[in-house]
Amino acid sequence: MLKLLRKLAVEHCPTCNEIIQSQHSSICYTRACPHGHYTEETYSHLGVRIVYKK
């Protein structure tokens, strides 16, 4: 049961199904596919989310 919950919590790239990697800095939170298919930048202090899809 716990393995199923962990699997559902991990996000995958919609194109290649690889696990999305994330990085955090003081300015933005970035999540990206390791192959460059999907990138999401979140600027919480501005209330802006930018999604790049190839």
PDB file of N, CA and C in Angstrom:
ATOM      1  N   MET A   1       0.823  -1.191   0.000  1.00  0.00           N
ATOM      2  CA  MET A   1       0.000   0.000   0.000  1.00  0.00           C
ATOM      3  C   MET A   1       0.871   1.260   0.000  1.00  0.00           C
ATOM      4  N   LEU A   2       1.925   1.249   0.826  1.00  0.00           N
ATOM      5  CA  LEU A   2       2.808   2.405   0.904  1.00  0.00           C
ATOM      6  C   LEU A   2       3.559   2.620  -0.409  1.00  0.00           C
ATOM      7  N   LYS A   3       3.967   1.541  -1.076  1.00  0.00           N
ATOM      8  CA  LYS A   3       4.645   1.663  -2.373  1.00  0.00           C
ATOM      9  C   LYS A   3       3.729   2.306  -3.412  1.00  0.00           C
ATOM     10  N   LEU A   4       2.456   1.956  -3.390  1.00  0.00           N
ATOM     11  CA  LEU A   4       1.497   2.533  -4.330  1.00  0.00           C
ATOM     12  C   LEU A   4       1.343   4.028  -4.101  1.00  0.00           C
ATOM     13  N   LEU A   5       1.280   4.466  -2.857  1.00  0.00           N
ATOM     14  CA  LEU A   5       1.165   5.887  -2.551  1.00  0.00           C
ATOM     15  C   LEU A   5       2.406   6.656  -2.980  1.00  0.00           C
ATOM     16  N   ARG A   6       3.571   6.081  -2.770  1.00  0.00           N
ATOM     17  CA  ARG A   6       4.815   6.731  -3.212  1.00  0.00           C
ATOM     18  C   ARG A   6       4.859   6.853  -4.724  1.00  0.00           C
ATOM     19  N   LYS A   7       4.428   5.810  -5.424  1.00  0.00           N
ATOM     20  CA  LYS A   7       4.425   5.823  -6.885  1.00  0.00           C
ATOM     21  C   LYS A   7       3.472   6.889  -7.412  1.00  0.00           C
ATOM     22  N   LEU A   8       2.344   7.089  -6.768  1.00  0.00           N
ATOM     23  CA  LEU A   8       1.386   8.098  -7.198  1.00  0.00           C
ATOM     24  C   LEU A   8       1.885   9.511  -6.910  1.00  0.00           C
ATOM     25  N   ALA A   9       2.718   9.672  -5.878  1.00  0.00           N
ATOM     26  CA  ALA A   9       3.224  10.992  -5.499  1.00  0.00           C
ATOM     27  C   ALA A   9       4.344  11.472  -6.420  1.00  0.00           C
ATOM     28  N   VAL A  10       5.051  10.572  -7.080  1.00  0.00           N
ATOM     29  CA  VAL A  10       6.143  10.937  -7.980  1.00  0.00           C
ATOM     30  C   VAL A  10       5.565  11.360  -9.319  1.00  0.00           C
ATOM     31  N   GLU A  11       6.005  12.510  -9.814  1.00  0.00           N
ATOM     32  CA  GLU A  11       5.485  13.006 -11.087  1.00  0.00           C
ATOM     33  C   GLU A  11       6.403  12.592 -12.231  1.00  0.00           C
ATOM     34  N   HIS A  12       5.797  12.330 -13.371  1.00  0.00           N
ATOM     35  CA  HIS A  12       6.521  11.865 -14.553  1.00  0.00           C
ATOM     36  C   HIS A  12       6.310  12.822 -15.719  1.00  0.00           C
ATOM     37  N   CYS A  13       7.258  12.830 -16.642  1.00  0.00           N
ATOM     38  CA  CYS A  13       7.161  13.631 -17.858  1.00  0.00           C
ATOM     39  C   CYS A  13       6.007  13.089 -18.705  1.00  0.00           C
ATOM     40  N   PRO A  14       5.144  13.962 -19.246  1.00  0.00           N
ATOM     41  CA  PRO A  14       4.035  13.482 -20.071  1.00  0.00           C
ATOM     42  C   PRO A  14       4.485  12.893 -21.408  1.00  0.00           C
ATOM     43  N   THR A  15       5.690  13.204 -21.876  1.00  0.00           N
ATOM     44  CA  THR A  15       6.164  12.717 -23.169  1.00  0.00           C
ATOM     45  C   THR A  15       6.917  11.395 -23.063  1.00  0.00           C
ATOM     46  N   CYS A  16       7.928  11.342 -22.177  1.00  0.00           N
ATOM     47  CA  CYS A  16       8.788  10.153 -22.129  1.00  0.00           C
ATOM     48  C   CYS A  16       8.626   9.320 -20.855  1.00  0.00           C
ATOM     49  N   ASN A  17       7.814   9.772 -19.919  1.00  0.00           N
ATOM     50  CA  ASN A  17       7.502   9.057 -18.682  1.00  0.00           C
ATOM     51  C   ASN A  17       8.694   8.927 -17.737  1.00  0.00           C
ATOM     52  N   GLU A  18       9.709   9.779 -17.889  1.00  0.00           N
ATOM     53  CA  GLU A  18      10.827   9.829 -16.942  1.00  0.00           C
ATOM     54  C   GLU A  18      10.398  10.607 -15.696  1.00  0.00           C
ATOM     55  N   ILE A  19      11.065  10.381 -14.587  1.00  0.00           N
ATOM     56  CA  ILE A  19      10.754  11.078 -13.346  1.00  0.00           C
ATOM     57  C   ILE A  19      11.208  12.537 -13.457  1.00  0.00           C
ATOM     58  N   ILE A  20      10.319  13.450 -13.077  1.00  0.00           N
ATOM     59  CA  ILE A  20      10.604  14.882 -13.108  1.00  0.00           C
ATOM     60  C   ILE A  20      11.589  15.219 -11.990  1.00  0.00           C
ATOM     61  N   GLN A  21      12.638  15.963 -12.316  1.00  0.00           N
ATOM     62  CA  GLN A  21      13.631  16.395 -11.330  1.00  0.00           C
ATOM     63  C   GLN A  21      13.328  17.823 -10.927  1.00  0.00           C
ATOM     64  N   SER A  22      13.577  18.158  -9.651  1.00  0.00           N
ATOM     65  CA  SER A  22      13.268  19.504  -9.187  1.00  0.00           C
ATOM     66  C   SER A  22      14.478  20.148  -8.528  1.00  0.00           C
ATOM     67  N   GLN A  23      14.501  21.483  -8.622  1.00  0.00           N
ATOM     68  CA  GLN A  23      15.541  22.292  -7.996  1.00  0.00           C
ATOM     69  C   GLN A  23      14.863  23.511  -7.393  1.00  0.00           C
ATOM     70  N   HIS A  24      15.455  24.029  -6.325  1.00  0.00           N
ATOM     71  CA  HIS A  24      14.858  25.161  -5.642  1.00  0.00           C
ATOM     72  C   HIS A  24      15.934  26.199  -5.346  1.00  0.00           C
ATOM     73  N   SER A  25      15.639  27.440  -5.660  1.00  0.00           N
ATOM     74  CA  SER A  25      16.525  28.541  -5.301  1.00  0.00           C
ATOM     75  C   SER A  25      15.691  29.559  -4.521  1.00  0.00           C
ATOM     76  N   SER A  26      16.307  30.643  -4.105  1.00  0.00           N
ATOM     77  CA  SER A  26      15.569  31.651  -3.350  1.00  0.00           C
ATOM     78  C   SER A  26      14.572  32.399  -4.230  1.00  0.00           C
ATOM     79  N   ILE A  27      14.749  32.341  -5.541  1.00  0.00           N
ATOM     80  CA  ILE A  27      13.873  33.062  -6.462  1.00  0.00           C
ATOM     81  C   ILE A  27      12.783  32.170  -7.048  1.00  0.00           C
ATOM     82  N   CYS A  28      13.146  30.967  -7.491  1.00  0.00           N
ATOM     83  CA  CYS A  28      12.145  30.130  -8.152  1.00  0.00           C
ATOM     84  C   CYS A  28      12.333  28.649  -7.821  1.00  0.00           C
ATOM     85  N   TYR A  29      11.271  27.898  -8.099  1.00  0.00           N
ATOM     86  CA  TYR A  29      11.243  26.453  -7.954  1.00  0.00           C
ATOM     87  C   TYR A  29      11.117  25.890  -9.364  1.00  0.00           C
ATOM     88  N   THR A  30      12.065  25.042  -9.778  1.00  0.00           N
ATOM     89  CA  THR A  30      12.104  24.519 -11.141  1.00  0.00           C
ATOM     90  C   THR A  30      11.940  23.005 -11.129  1.00  0.00           C
ATOM     91  N   ARG A  31      11.051  22.521 -11.992  1.00  0.00           N
ATOM     92  CA  ARG A  31      10.876  21.081 -12.197  1.00  0.00           C
ATOM     93  C   ARG A  31      11.070  20.822 -13.675  1.00  0.00           C
ATOM     94  N   ALA A  32      11.865  19.793 -14.012  1.00  0.00           N
ATOM     95  CA  ALA A  32      12.170  19.553 -15.421  1.00  0.00           C
ATOM     96  C   ALA A  32      12.385  18.077 -15.706  1.00  0.00           C
ATOM     97  N   CYS A  33      12.090  17.708 -16.947  1.00  0.00           N
ATOM     98  CA  CYS A  33      12.379  16.372 -17.462  1.00  0.00           C
ATOM     99  C   CYS A  33      13.883  16.307 -17.737  1.00  0.00           C
ATOM    100  N   PRO A  34      14.557  15.205 -17.437  1.00  0.00           N
ATOM    101  CA  PRO A  34      15.994  15.116 -17.707  1.00  0.00           C
ATOM    102  C   PRO A  34      16.333  15.184 -19.200  1.00  0.00           C
ATOM    103  N   HIS A  35      15.363  14.911 -20.069  1.00  0.00           N
ATOM    104  CA  HIS A  35      15.600  14.955 -21.516  1.00  0.00           C
ATOM    105  C   HIS A  35      15.135  16.269 -22.141  1.00  0.00           C
ATOM    106  N   GLY A  36      14.616  17.186 -21.351  1.00  0.00           N
ATOM    107  CA  GLY A  36      14.234  18.501 -21.848  1.00  0.00           C
ATOM    108  C   GLY A  36      12.856  18.608 -22.476  1.00  0.00           C
ATOM    109  N   HIS A  37      11.993  17.605 -22.294  1.00  0.00           N
ATOM    110  CA  HIS A  37      10.657  17.664 -22.876  1.00  0.00           C
ATOM    111  C   HIS A  37       9.726  18.603 -22.121  1.00  0.00           C
ATOM    112  N   TYR A  38       9.938  18.771 -20.839  1.00  0.00           N
ATOM    113  CA  TYR A  38       9.009  19.523 -19.982  1.00  0.00           C
ATOM    114  C   TYR A  38       9.801  20.308 -18.944  1.00  0.00           C
ATOM    115  N   THR A  39       9.488  21.582 -18.791  1.00  0.00           N
ATOM    116  CA  THR A  39      10.105  22.411 -17.763  1.00  0.00           C
ATOM    117  C   THR A  39       9.024  23.302 -17.165  1.00  0.00           C
ATOM    118  N   GLU A  40       9.028  23.404 -15.855  1.00  0.00           N
ATOM    119  CA  GLU A  40       8.066  24.259 -15.154  1.00  0.00           C
ATOM    120  C   GLU A  40       8.821  25.116 -14.154  1.00  0.00           C
ATOM    121  N   GLU A  41       8.622  26.422 -14.221  1.00  0.00           N
ATOM    122  CA  GLU A  41       9.230  27.357 -13.286  1.00  0.00           C
ATOM    123  C   GLU A  41       8.118  28.012 -12.483  1.00  0.00           C
ATOM    124  N   THR A  42       8.261  28.043 -11.156  1.00  0.00           N
ATOM    125  CA  THR A  42       7.264  28.660 -10.292  1.00  0.00           C
ATOM    126  C   THR A  42       7.928  29.765  -9.487  1.00  0.00           C
ATOM    127  N   TYR A  43       7.388  30.959  -9.622  1.00  0.00           N
ATOM    128  CA  TYR A  43       7.845  32.125  -8.862  1.00  0.00           C
ATOM    129  C   TYR A  43       6.740  32.454  -7.860  1.00  0.00           C
ATOM    130  N   SER A  44       6.836  31.892  -6.656  1.00  0.00           N
ATOM    131  CA  SER A  44       5.747  32.003  -5.691  1.00  0.00           C
ATOM    132  C   SER A  44       5.551  33.429  -5.185  1.00  0.00           C
ATOM    133  N   HIS A  45       6.611  34.200  -5.068  1.00  0.00           N
ATOM    134  CA  HIS A  45       6.468  35.570  -4.579  1.00  0.00           C
ATOM    135  C   HIS A  45       5.750  36.458  -5.597  1.00  0.00           C
ATOM    136  N   LEU A  46       5.763  36.071  -6.874  1.00  0.00           N
ATOM    137  CA  LEU A  46       5.038  36.802  -7.914  1.00  0.00           C
ATOM    138  C   LEU A  46       3.690  36.171  -8.238  1.00  0.00           C
ATOM    139  N   GLY A  47       3.503  34.928  -7.802  1.00  0.00           N
ATOM    140  CA  GLY A  47       2.278  34.207  -8.134  1.00  0.00           C
ATOM    141  C   GLY A  47       2.231  33.777  -9.586  1.00  0.00           C
ATOM    142  N   VAL A  48       3.408  33.447 -10.163  1.00  0.00           N
ATOM    143  CA  VAL A  48       3.516  33.108 -11.583  1.00  0.00           C
ATOM    144  C   VAL A  48       4.053  31.685 -11.736  1.00  0.00           C
ATOM    145  N   ARG A  49       3.454  30.948 -12.669  1.00  0.00           N
ATOM    146  CA  ARG A  49       3.932  29.615 -13.027  1.00  0.00           C
ATOM    147  C   ARG A  49       4.079  29.570 -14.529  1.00  0.00           C
ATOM    148  N   ILE A  50       5.268  29.191 -15.027  1.00  0.00           N
ATOM    149  CA  ILE A  50       5.552  29.119 -16.455  1.00  0.00           C
ATOM    150  C   ILE A  50       5.866  27.682 -16.805  1.00  0.00           C
ATOM    151  N   VAL A  51       5.180  27.147 -17.819  1.00  0.00           N
ATOM    152  CA  VAL A  51       5.372  25.765 -18.256  1.00  0.00           C
ATOM    153  C   VAL A  51       5.867  25.784 -19.689  1.00  0.00           C
ATOM    154  N   TYR A  52       6.987  25.104 -19.943  1.00  0.00           N
ATOM    155  CA  TYR A  52       7.562  24.945 -21.285  1.00  0.00           C
ATOM    156  C   TYR A  52       7.408  23.488 -21.694  1.00  0.00           C
ATOM    157  N   LYS A  53       6.787  23.243 -22.838  1.00  0.00           N
ATOM    158  CA  LYS A  53       6.650  21.888 -23.363  1.00  0.00           C
ATOM    159  C   LYS A  53       7.216  21.851 -24.769  1.00  0.00           C
ATOM    160  N   LYS A  54       7.928  20.784 -25.101  1.00  0.00           N
ATOM    161  CA  LYS A  54       8.474  20.620 -26.457  1.00  0.00           C
ATOM    162  C   LYS A  54       7.699  19.570 -27.191  1.00  0.00           C
TER     163      LYS A  54
END
